[in-house]
N, C-alpha and C. Protein backbone atom coordinates (compact mmCIF):
# COMPACT_ATOMS: atom_id res chain seq x y z
N UNK A 1 127.93 93.15 88.66
CA UNK A 1 127.30 93.41 87.38
C UNK A 1 126.15 94.40 87.57
N UNK A 2 126.09 95.38 86.71
CA UNK A 2 125.03 96.39 86.79
C UNK A 2 123.71 95.79 86.31
N UNK A 3 122.65 96.21 86.94
CA UNK A 3 121.32 95.74 86.58
C UNK A 3 120.73 96.71 85.57
N UNK A 4 120.26 96.20 84.46
CA UNK A 4 119.60 97.02 83.46
C UNK A 4 118.12 97.06 83.81
N UNK A 5 117.74 98.03 84.62
CA UNK A 5 116.38 98.12 85.12
C UNK A 5 115.38 98.42 84.01
N UNK A 6 115.81 99.17 82.99
CA UNK A 6 114.90 99.48 81.89
C UNK A 6 114.37 98.21 81.24
N UNK A 7 115.23 97.22 81.09
CA UNK A 7 114.81 95.94 80.51
C UNK A 7 113.74 95.28 81.37
N UNK A 8 113.89 95.37 82.68
CA UNK A 8 112.90 94.79 83.60
C UNK A 8 111.58 95.56 83.52
N UNK A 9 111.68 96.88 83.38
CA UNK A 9 110.47 97.72 83.23
C UNK A 9 109.72 97.30 81.97
N UNK A 10 110.44 97.16 80.87
CA UNK A 10 109.81 96.78 79.60
C UNK A 10 109.20 95.39 79.70
N UNK A 11 109.92 94.45 80.32
CA UNK A 11 109.40 93.08 80.46
C UNK A 11 108.10 93.08 81.26
N UNK A 12 108.10 93.80 82.39
CA UNK A 12 106.87 93.78 83.18
C UNK A 12 105.76 94.55 82.47
N UNK A 13 106.06 95.67 81.85
CA UNK A 13 105.02 96.42 81.14
C UNK A 13 104.39 95.55 80.06
N UNK A 14 105.20 94.80 79.36
CA UNK A 14 104.68 93.91 78.32
C UNK A 14 103.78 92.84 78.95
N UNK A 15 104.22 92.24 80.04
CA UNK A 15 103.40 91.23 80.72
C UNK A 15 102.10 91.84 81.24
N UNK A 16 102.21 93.03 81.78
CA UNK A 16 101.03 93.73 82.28
C UNK A 16 100.05 93.99 81.14
N UNK A 17 100.53 94.57 80.04
CA UNK A 17 99.65 94.93 78.92
C UNK A 17 99.04 93.71 78.26
N UNK A 18 99.82 92.64 78.12
CA UNK A 18 99.34 91.47 77.39
C UNK A 18 98.46 90.55 78.24
N UNK A 19 98.68 90.53 79.55
CA UNK A 19 97.97 89.55 80.38
C UNK A 19 97.31 90.17 81.61
N UNK A 20 98.12 90.76 82.47
CA UNK A 20 97.62 91.15 83.80
C UNK A 20 96.61 92.28 83.77
N UNK A 21 96.74 93.23 82.86
CA UNK A 21 95.79 94.35 82.82
C UNK A 21 94.37 93.83 82.63
N UNK A 22 94.19 92.93 81.69
CA UNK A 22 92.85 92.39 81.43
C UNK A 22 92.34 91.59 82.64
N UNK A 23 93.21 90.81 83.26
CA UNK A 23 92.80 90.05 84.44
C UNK A 23 92.36 90.99 85.57
N UNK A 24 93.15 92.04 85.78
CA UNK A 24 92.85 93.01 86.83
C UNK A 24 91.57 93.79 86.50
N UNK A 25 91.49 94.30 85.27
CA UNK A 25 90.31 95.09 84.87
C UNK A 25 89.02 94.28 84.98
N UNK A 26 89.09 92.99 84.66
CA UNK A 26 87.90 92.13 84.69
C UNK A 26 87.74 91.38 86.01
N UNK A 27 88.65 91.65 86.95
CA UNK A 27 88.62 90.95 88.24
C UNK A 27 88.48 89.43 88.02
N UNK A 28 89.29 88.90 87.12
CA UNK A 28 89.22 87.51 86.68
C UNK A 28 90.10 86.62 87.57
N UNK A 29 89.56 86.24 88.71
CA UNK A 29 90.31 85.43 89.67
C UNK A 29 90.79 84.13 89.05
N UNK A 30 89.93 83.43 88.35
CA UNK A 30 90.31 82.12 87.83
C UNK A 30 91.30 82.24 86.67
N UNK A 31 91.22 83.32 85.92
CA UNK A 31 92.26 83.61 84.93
C UNK A 31 93.58 83.89 85.60
N UNK A 32 93.54 84.61 86.72
CA UNK A 32 94.76 84.90 87.48
C UNK A 32 95.37 83.62 88.05
N UNK A 33 94.51 82.70 88.52
CA UNK A 33 95.03 81.43 89.04
C UNK A 33 95.78 80.68 87.94
N UNK A 34 95.26 80.72 86.73
CA UNK A 34 95.94 80.07 85.61
C UNK A 34 97.23 80.82 85.25
N UNK A 35 97.15 82.15 85.18
CA UNK A 35 98.32 82.96 84.83
C UNK A 35 99.46 82.75 85.83
N UNK A 36 99.13 82.72 87.10
CA UNK A 36 100.16 82.54 88.13
C UNK A 36 100.52 81.07 88.35
N UNK A 37 99.91 80.20 87.58
CA UNK A 37 100.19 78.76 87.63
C UNK A 37 99.95 78.16 89.01
N UNK A 38 98.85 78.56 89.60
CA UNK A 38 98.52 78.03 90.93
C UNK A 38 97.17 77.32 90.97
N UNK A 39 96.45 77.31 89.86
CA UNK A 39 95.13 76.65 89.84
C UNK A 39 95.24 75.19 90.24
N UNK A 40 96.34 74.54 89.86
CA UNK A 40 96.52 73.11 90.15
C UNK A 40 96.54 72.80 91.65
N UNK A 41 96.76 73.81 92.47
CA UNK A 41 96.79 73.61 93.92
C UNK A 41 95.42 73.40 94.53
N UNK A 42 94.37 73.71 93.77
CA UNK A 42 93.02 73.68 94.31
C UNK A 42 92.24 72.55 93.63
N UNK A 43 92.13 71.44 94.31
CA UNK A 43 91.53 70.24 93.73
C UNK A 43 90.09 70.50 93.28
N UNK A 44 89.77 69.97 92.09
CA UNK A 44 88.42 70.07 91.55
C UNK A 44 88.00 71.46 91.15
N UNK A 45 88.95 72.34 90.88
CA UNK A 45 88.65 73.75 90.63
C UNK A 45 87.79 73.97 89.38
N UNK A 46 87.72 73.00 88.52
CA UNK A 46 86.90 73.15 87.30
C UNK A 46 85.40 73.08 87.63
N UNK A 47 85.07 72.48 88.75
CA UNK A 47 83.66 72.34 89.13
C UNK A 47 83.18 73.61 89.83
N UNK A 48 81.99 74.05 89.49
CA UNK A 48 81.45 75.31 90.01
C UNK A 48 81.37 75.33 91.54
N UNK A 49 80.97 74.23 92.17
CA UNK A 49 80.88 74.19 93.63
C UNK A 49 82.24 74.45 94.27
N UNK A 50 83.29 73.89 93.69
CA UNK A 50 84.64 74.10 94.21
C UNK A 50 85.12 75.52 93.97
N UNK A 51 84.74 76.09 92.83
CA UNK A 51 85.06 77.50 92.56
C UNK A 51 84.37 78.39 93.60
N UNK A 52 83.11 78.12 93.85
CA UNK A 52 82.35 78.91 94.82
C UNK A 52 82.97 78.80 96.21
N UNK A 53 83.38 77.59 96.57
CA UNK A 53 84.01 77.39 97.89
C UNK A 53 85.32 78.18 98.00
N UNK A 54 86.13 78.14 96.95
CA UNK A 54 87.39 78.88 96.97
C UNK A 54 87.13 80.38 97.09
N UNK A 55 86.21 80.90 96.31
CA UNK A 55 85.88 82.33 96.39
C UNK A 55 85.39 82.69 97.78
N UNK A 56 84.57 81.83 98.38
CA UNK A 56 84.06 82.10 99.74
C UNK A 56 85.20 82.13 100.76
N UNK A 57 86.16 81.23 100.62
CA UNK A 57 87.32 81.21 101.54
C UNK A 57 88.10 82.51 101.39
N UNK A 58 88.38 82.89 100.14
CA UNK A 58 89.15 84.11 99.89
C UNK A 58 88.40 85.34 100.41
N UNK A 59 87.11 85.43 100.09
CA UNK A 59 86.32 86.59 100.52
C UNK A 59 86.20 86.68 102.03
N UNK A 60 86.16 85.54 102.71
CA UNK A 60 86.05 85.56 104.18
C UNK A 60 87.26 86.24 104.81
N UNK A 61 88.36 86.26 104.11
CA UNK A 61 89.57 86.91 104.60
C UNK A 61 89.69 88.33 104.05
N UNK A 62 89.58 88.49 102.74
CA UNK A 62 89.83 89.81 102.14
C UNK A 62 88.78 90.84 102.52
N UNK A 63 87.54 90.41 102.79
CA UNK A 63 86.50 91.35 103.18
C UNK A 63 86.49 91.66 104.68
N UNK A 64 87.33 90.98 105.43
CA UNK A 64 87.41 91.20 106.88
C UNK A 64 88.30 92.42 107.14
N UNK A 65 87.67 93.56 107.31
CA UNK A 65 88.40 94.83 107.46
C UNK A 65 89.13 94.96 108.80
N UNK A 66 88.84 94.07 109.74
CA UNK A 66 89.53 94.13 111.03
C UNK A 66 90.91 93.49 110.97
N UNK A 67 91.22 92.80 109.89
CA UNK A 67 92.51 92.12 109.76
C UNK A 67 93.54 93.03 109.12
N UNK A 68 94.76 92.98 109.64
CA UNK A 68 95.88 93.63 108.97
C UNK A 68 96.28 92.78 107.77
N UNK A 69 97.11 93.32 106.92
CA UNK A 69 97.60 92.54 105.78
C UNK A 69 98.32 91.28 106.25
N UNK A 70 99.11 91.43 107.29
CA UNK A 70 99.84 90.27 107.83
C UNK A 70 98.86 89.21 108.35
N UNK A 71 97.82 89.66 109.05
CA UNK A 71 96.79 88.74 109.56
C UNK A 71 96.05 88.06 108.41
N UNK A 72 95.78 88.82 107.37
CA UNK A 72 95.09 88.24 106.21
C UNK A 72 95.92 87.11 105.61
N UNK A 73 97.22 87.35 105.46
CA UNK A 73 98.06 86.32 104.89
C UNK A 73 98.04 85.06 105.77
N UNK A 74 98.23 85.24 107.07
CA UNK A 74 98.27 84.11 107.99
C UNK A 74 96.94 83.36 107.99
N UNK A 75 95.85 84.11 108.01
CA UNK A 75 94.53 83.46 108.06
C UNK A 75 94.21 82.71 106.77
N UNK A 76 94.51 83.32 105.63
CA UNK A 76 94.21 82.63 104.37
C UNK A 76 95.10 81.40 104.20
N UNK A 77 96.37 81.51 104.56
CA UNK A 77 97.27 80.36 104.50
C UNK A 77 96.74 79.23 105.37
N UNK A 78 96.27 79.57 106.56
CA UNK A 78 95.72 78.56 107.47
C UNK A 78 94.44 77.93 106.92
N UNK A 79 93.58 78.73 106.35
CA UNK A 79 92.34 78.19 105.77
C UNK A 79 92.65 77.27 104.59
N UNK A 80 93.61 77.65 103.77
CA UNK A 80 94.01 76.78 102.66
C UNK A 80 94.62 75.48 103.18
N UNK A 81 95.43 75.59 104.22
CA UNK A 81 96.06 74.39 104.80
C UNK A 81 94.99 73.42 105.31
N UNK A 82 93.98 73.96 105.97
CA UNK A 82 92.91 73.10 106.50
C UNK A 82 92.07 72.50 105.39
N UNK A 83 91.76 73.28 104.37
CA UNK A 83 90.87 72.80 103.31
C UNK A 83 91.58 71.91 102.29
N UNK A 84 92.79 72.32 101.88
CA UNK A 84 93.47 71.62 100.79
C UNK A 84 94.62 70.73 101.25
N UNK A 85 94.90 70.76 102.57
CA UNK A 85 95.94 69.90 103.17
C UNK A 85 97.31 70.13 102.54
N UNK A 86 97.58 71.40 102.19
CA UNK A 86 98.86 71.78 101.60
C UNK A 86 99.31 73.12 102.18
N UNK A 87 100.60 73.35 102.13
CA UNK A 87 101.20 74.61 102.56
C UNK A 87 101.31 75.50 101.32
N UNK A 88 100.31 76.32 101.06
CA UNK A 88 100.21 77.10 99.83
C UNK A 88 100.77 78.51 100.01
N UNK A 89 102.04 78.59 100.34
CA UNK A 89 102.70 79.87 100.60
C UNK A 89 102.65 80.77 99.37
N UNK A 90 103.05 80.25 98.23
CA UNK A 90 103.08 81.03 97.00
C UNK A 90 101.66 81.38 96.55
N UNK A 91 100.78 80.41 96.52
CA UNK A 91 99.40 80.66 96.06
C UNK A 91 98.72 81.71 96.93
N UNK A 92 98.93 81.65 98.22
CA UNK A 92 98.32 82.63 99.13
C UNK A 92 98.79 84.04 98.81
N UNK A 93 100.10 84.19 98.58
CA UNK A 93 100.63 85.53 98.27
C UNK A 93 100.09 86.06 96.95
N UNK A 94 100.01 85.19 95.95
CA UNK A 94 99.54 85.61 94.63
C UNK A 94 98.05 85.96 94.66
N UNK A 95 97.28 85.19 95.38
CA UNK A 95 95.84 85.47 95.47
C UNK A 95 95.59 86.79 96.21
N UNK A 96 96.29 87.00 97.30
CA UNK A 96 96.10 88.25 98.05
C UNK A 96 96.62 89.45 97.24
N UNK A 97 97.70 89.28 96.51
CA UNK A 97 98.18 90.36 95.64
C UNK A 97 97.08 90.71 94.64
N UNK A 98 96.49 89.70 94.04
CA UNK A 98 95.49 89.94 93.00
C UNK A 98 94.17 90.47 93.57
N UNK A 99 93.71 89.92 94.68
CA UNK A 99 92.36 90.24 95.17
C UNK A 99 92.31 91.36 96.21
N UNK A 100 93.42 91.59 96.92
CA UNK A 100 93.34 92.49 98.06
C UNK A 100 94.20 93.75 97.92
N UNK A 101 95.51 93.58 97.77
CA UNK A 101 96.38 94.75 97.73
C UNK A 101 97.67 94.45 96.98
N UNK A 102 97.90 95.18 95.91
CA UNK A 102 99.09 94.98 95.11
C UNK A 102 100.33 95.60 95.77
N UNK A 103 100.12 96.45 96.75
CA UNK A 103 101.25 97.05 97.45
C UNK A 103 101.58 96.32 98.74
N UNK A 104 100.60 95.75 99.38
CA UNK A 104 100.84 95.12 100.68
C UNK A 104 101.38 93.70 100.58
N UNK A 105 101.08 93.03 99.47
CA UNK A 105 101.48 91.63 99.34
C UNK A 105 102.55 91.47 98.27
N UNK A 106 103.60 90.81 98.64
CA UNK A 106 104.70 90.52 97.72
C UNK A 106 104.51 89.10 97.23
N UNK A 107 104.68 88.93 95.94
CA UNK A 107 104.47 87.61 95.35
C UNK A 107 105.65 86.70 95.68
N UNK A 108 105.33 85.62 96.37
CA UNK A 108 106.33 84.62 96.76
C UNK A 108 106.40 83.58 95.65
N UNK A 109 107.58 83.39 95.13
CA UNK A 109 107.77 82.48 94.00
C UNK A 109 109.13 81.81 94.18
N UNK A 110 109.24 80.55 93.82
CA UNK A 110 110.50 79.82 94.05
C UNK A 110 111.67 80.46 93.31
N UNK A 111 111.46 80.97 92.11
CA UNK A 111 112.54 81.65 91.39
C UNK A 111 112.97 82.92 92.12
N UNK A 112 112.00 83.68 92.59
CA UNK A 112 112.32 84.91 93.32
C UNK A 112 113.07 84.58 94.60
N UNK A 113 112.66 83.54 95.30
CA UNK A 113 113.34 83.14 96.54
C UNK A 113 114.79 82.75 96.23
N UNK A 114 114.96 81.92 95.22
CA UNK A 114 116.31 81.44 94.88
C UNK A 114 117.23 82.60 94.50
N UNK A 115 116.71 83.53 93.72
CA UNK A 115 117.55 84.65 93.30
C UNK A 115 117.72 85.71 94.38
N UNK A 116 116.75 85.87 95.25
CA UNK A 116 116.91 86.80 96.37
C UNK A 116 117.98 86.28 97.33
N UNK A 117 118.06 84.95 97.49
CA UNK A 117 119.09 84.35 98.35
C UNK A 117 120.51 84.73 97.92
N UNK A 118 120.69 85.06 96.67
CA UNK A 118 122.01 85.47 96.17
C UNK A 118 122.40 86.84 96.70
N UNK A 119 121.40 87.60 97.18
CA UNK A 119 121.63 88.97 97.64
C UNK A 119 121.38 89.15 99.14
N UNK A 120 120.49 88.32 99.69
CA UNK A 120 120.08 88.46 101.09
C UNK A 120 120.01 87.07 101.73
N UNK A 121 120.35 87.01 103.00
CA UNK A 121 120.27 85.75 103.74
C UNK A 121 118.83 85.51 104.19
N UNK A 122 118.27 84.41 103.75
CA UNK A 122 116.91 84.04 104.17
C UNK A 122 116.99 82.93 105.19
N UNK A 123 116.08 82.95 106.15
CA UNK A 123 116.06 81.88 107.16
C UNK A 123 115.39 80.64 106.58
N UNK A 124 115.48 79.56 107.29
CA UNK A 124 114.82 78.32 106.88
C UNK A 124 113.52 78.15 107.65
N UNK A 125 112.78 79.22 107.78
CA UNK A 125 111.52 79.20 108.51
C UNK A 125 110.48 78.38 107.75
N UNK A 126 109.36 78.14 108.38
CA UNK A 126 108.25 77.40 107.78
C UNK A 126 106.99 78.25 107.81
N UNK A 127 106.00 77.87 107.00
CA UNK A 127 104.69 78.51 107.03
C UNK A 127 104.74 80.00 106.78
N UNK A 128 103.91 80.73 107.53
CA UNK A 128 103.84 82.17 107.31
C UNK A 128 105.15 82.87 107.67
N UNK A 129 105.93 82.31 108.60
CA UNK A 129 107.23 82.91 108.94
C UNK A 129 108.17 82.89 107.74
N UNK A 130 108.08 81.84 106.94
CA UNK A 130 108.89 81.74 105.72
C UNK A 130 108.53 82.89 104.77
N UNK A 131 107.23 83.13 104.61
CA UNK A 131 106.77 84.21 103.74
C UNK A 131 107.19 85.57 104.29
N UNK A 132 107.00 85.81 105.58
CA UNK A 132 107.31 87.11 106.15
C UNK A 132 108.81 87.40 106.13
N UNK A 133 109.64 86.38 106.32
CA UNK A 133 111.09 86.57 106.20
C UNK A 133 111.45 86.96 104.77
N UNK A 134 110.87 86.25 103.81
CA UNK A 134 111.09 86.58 102.40
C UNK A 134 110.69 88.04 102.14
N UNK A 135 109.52 88.45 102.63
CA UNK A 135 109.03 89.82 102.41
C UNK A 135 109.98 90.86 103.01
N UNK A 136 110.47 90.59 104.22
CA UNK A 136 111.39 91.54 104.85
C UNK A 136 112.65 91.73 104.00
N UNK A 137 113.20 90.63 103.54
CA UNK A 137 114.44 90.70 102.72
C UNK A 137 114.13 91.30 101.35
N UNK A 138 112.96 90.96 100.79
CA UNK A 138 112.56 91.53 99.51
C UNK A 138 112.44 93.04 99.64
N UNK A 139 111.82 93.52 100.71
CA UNK A 139 111.64 94.97 100.91
C UNK A 139 112.99 95.67 101.09
N UNK A 140 113.92 95.02 101.79
CA UNK A 140 115.28 95.59 101.93
C UNK A 140 115.92 95.74 100.55
N UNK A 141 115.83 94.70 99.75
CA UNK A 141 116.43 94.71 98.42
C UNK A 141 115.75 95.76 97.54
N UNK A 142 114.43 95.86 97.65
CA UNK A 142 113.69 96.88 96.90
C UNK A 142 114.14 98.28 97.31
N UNK A 143 114.27 98.51 98.61
CA UNK A 143 114.68 99.83 99.10
C UNK A 143 116.07 100.20 98.55
N UNK A 144 116.94 99.22 98.44
CA UNK A 144 118.29 99.46 97.91
C UNK A 144 118.25 99.86 96.43
N UNK A 145 117.25 99.43 95.70
CA UNK A 145 117.20 99.66 94.26
C UNK A 145 116.03 100.54 93.81
N UNK A 146 115.22 101.01 94.73
CA UNK A 146 114.03 101.76 94.37
C UNK A 146 114.35 103.00 93.54
N UNK A 147 115.36 103.75 93.93
CA UNK A 147 115.72 104.97 93.18
C UNK A 147 116.08 104.62 91.74
N UNK A 148 116.88 103.57 91.54
CA UNK A 148 117.26 103.16 90.19
C UNK A 148 116.05 102.69 89.38
N UNK A 149 115.14 102.00 90.05
CA UNK A 149 113.93 101.53 89.36
C UNK A 149 113.07 102.72 88.93
N UNK A 150 112.90 103.69 89.81
CA UNK A 150 112.12 104.88 89.46
C UNK A 150 112.74 105.61 88.28
N UNK A 151 114.06 105.77 88.28
CA UNK A 151 114.73 106.42 87.15
C UNK A 151 114.55 105.62 85.87
N UNK A 152 114.64 104.30 85.97
CA UNK A 152 114.46 103.45 84.79
C UNK A 152 113.04 103.56 84.25
N UNK A 153 112.06 103.63 85.15
CA UNK A 153 110.67 103.82 84.72
C UNK A 153 110.54 105.13 83.96
N UNK A 154 111.11 106.20 84.49
CA UNK A 154 111.01 107.51 83.82
C UNK A 154 111.68 107.48 82.46
N UNK A 155 112.86 106.86 82.35
CA UNK A 155 113.55 106.77 81.06
C UNK A 155 112.74 105.93 80.06
N UNK A 156 112.15 104.86 80.55
CA UNK A 156 111.35 104.00 79.68
C UNK A 156 110.10 104.73 79.19
N UNK A 157 109.45 105.45 80.09
CA UNK A 157 108.27 106.23 79.68
C UNK A 157 108.65 107.26 78.63
N UNK A 158 109.77 107.94 78.84
CA UNK A 158 110.21 108.96 77.88
C UNK A 158 110.49 108.32 76.52
N UNK A 159 111.11 107.16 76.52
CA UNK A 159 111.38 106.45 75.27
C UNK A 159 110.08 106.11 74.55
N UNK A 160 109.14 105.51 75.27
CA UNK A 160 107.86 105.14 74.66
C UNK A 160 107.13 106.36 74.13
N UNK A 161 107.12 107.44 74.90
CA UNK A 161 106.36 108.62 74.50
C UNK A 161 106.94 109.29 73.26
N UNK A 162 108.23 109.10 73.00
CA UNK A 162 108.87 109.67 71.81
C UNK A 162 108.75 108.75 70.60
N UNK A 163 108.30 107.54 70.83
CA UNK A 163 108.19 106.57 69.74
C UNK A 163 106.99 106.91 68.86
N UNK A 164 107.18 106.80 67.52
CA UNK A 164 106.04 107.09 66.63
C UNK A 164 104.92 106.07 66.83
N UNK A 165 103.72 106.54 66.70
CA UNK A 165 102.51 105.70 66.77
C UNK A 165 102.27 105.11 68.16
N UNK A 166 102.94 105.62 69.16
CA UNK A 166 102.69 105.11 70.51
C UNK A 166 101.79 106.10 71.22
N UNK A 167 100.56 105.71 71.47
CA UNK A 167 99.59 106.63 72.05
C UNK A 167 99.05 106.15 73.39
N UNK A 168 99.62 105.07 73.92
CA UNK A 168 99.11 104.53 75.19
C UNK A 168 99.45 105.45 76.35
N UNK A 169 98.58 105.44 77.32
CA UNK A 169 98.86 106.16 78.56
C UNK A 169 99.71 105.26 79.43
N UNK A 170 100.74 105.80 80.01
CA UNK A 170 101.69 105.01 80.78
C UNK A 170 101.59 105.24 82.28
N UNK A 171 100.46 105.79 82.73
CA UNK A 171 100.35 106.15 84.15
C UNK A 171 100.47 104.93 85.07
N UNK A 172 100.20 103.72 84.58
CA UNK A 172 100.36 102.54 85.43
C UNK A 172 101.80 102.42 85.92
N UNK A 173 102.74 102.91 85.10
CA UNK A 173 104.15 102.83 85.49
C UNK A 173 104.46 103.70 86.70
N UNK A 174 103.60 104.66 87.00
CA UNK A 174 103.81 105.52 88.17
C UNK A 174 103.32 104.88 89.46
N UNK A 175 102.62 103.78 89.36
CA UNK A 175 102.09 103.10 90.54
C UNK A 175 103.23 102.40 91.29
N UNK A 176 103.19 102.51 92.60
CA UNK A 176 104.22 101.86 93.42
C UNK A 176 104.24 100.35 93.18
N UNK A 177 103.07 99.74 93.08
CA UNK A 177 103.02 98.29 92.88
C UNK A 177 103.65 97.89 91.54
N UNK A 178 103.56 98.76 90.53
CA UNK A 178 104.19 98.46 89.24
C UNK A 178 105.71 98.38 89.43
N UNK A 179 106.26 99.34 90.17
CA UNK A 179 107.71 99.34 90.40
C UNK A 179 108.13 98.12 91.22
N UNK A 180 107.25 97.70 92.12
CA UNK A 180 107.54 96.48 92.89
C UNK A 180 107.62 95.27 91.96
N UNK A 181 106.72 95.23 90.98
CA UNK A 181 106.71 94.11 90.03
C UNK A 181 107.95 94.14 89.13
N UNK A 182 108.51 95.32 88.91
CA UNK A 182 109.77 95.41 88.16
C UNK A 182 110.86 94.63 88.89
N UNK A 183 110.90 94.78 90.20
CA UNK A 183 111.87 93.98 90.98
C UNK A 183 111.56 92.50 90.87
N UNK A 184 110.28 92.14 90.89
CA UNK A 184 109.91 90.73 90.69
C UNK A 184 110.47 90.21 89.37
N UNK A 185 110.32 91.01 88.32
CA UNK A 185 110.83 90.59 87.00
C UNK A 185 112.32 90.30 87.08
N UNK A 186 113.05 91.19 87.75
CA UNK A 186 114.49 90.98 87.89
C UNK A 186 114.77 89.66 88.63
N UNK A 187 114.07 89.46 89.74
CA UNK A 187 114.33 88.26 90.53
C UNK A 187 113.93 86.98 89.78
N UNK A 188 112.90 87.05 88.96
CA UNK A 188 112.47 85.87 88.21
C UNK A 188 113.40 85.56 87.05
N UNK A 189 114.05 86.59 86.53
CA UNK A 189 114.84 86.42 85.30
C UNK A 189 116.34 86.45 85.50
N UNK A 190 116.82 86.70 86.71
CA UNK A 190 118.27 86.74 86.91
C UNK A 190 118.79 85.31 87.16
N UNK A 191 119.96 85.08 86.71
CA UNK A 191 120.55 83.74 86.88
C UNK A 191 121.61 83.72 87.93
C-alpha cells in the first residue's frame, strides 16, 4: 500500500501549529510533559520542589557539552532510573527531543515501536540498547522514505501557499526535524 505522505505532513503541521510551536517557543517543559503524556512518570511533579529536582536532573545532562547525544540519552535514562525507580525509555527520548536536540533524538513511543516492527526487525534488548536499536531501525526506515517525505512537504507547502487567506510562513517544514516528525506521524497512525 502506498503511503500518502502529504496527509502525514498536514497532520504533523497541524499538531505543531496547535500545540508544539507554543511549547517550543515558550520552552514550556512541563507543558511538553503533559503533551507527550509522560508527566505521570515523575512522582509529585505538581510540587515545586519536585519540578526543580526534575529540571536539575535534566539540566545536569543537557548542559554537559562533553557528552555525545548517545551519552546524554544513557546518562539521563540512568539518572531517571535511580531517582524514579522506573525504566523511562520513552520519557527520556521525549525530554531530550524537547530540551536538547530535535534532530539527534528520536521519540520512542509504543505505537511507533509496534508499527516500525511491521517494517523492520527490532531486537528484544533492554534499557538504552532497546532505544538505540529502535533508533537505528527508525533511521533506516526514514532513509528509505526521506525523498518521498521531502517531495510531500514541497507539494503541501505549494498547496498551502496557493490557498486564499493563507499567509503563514511555512519555513518550519524545511527543517530536518520536521520531516522526521512526519515519519513519526505515519508510525503513530498506521495500523
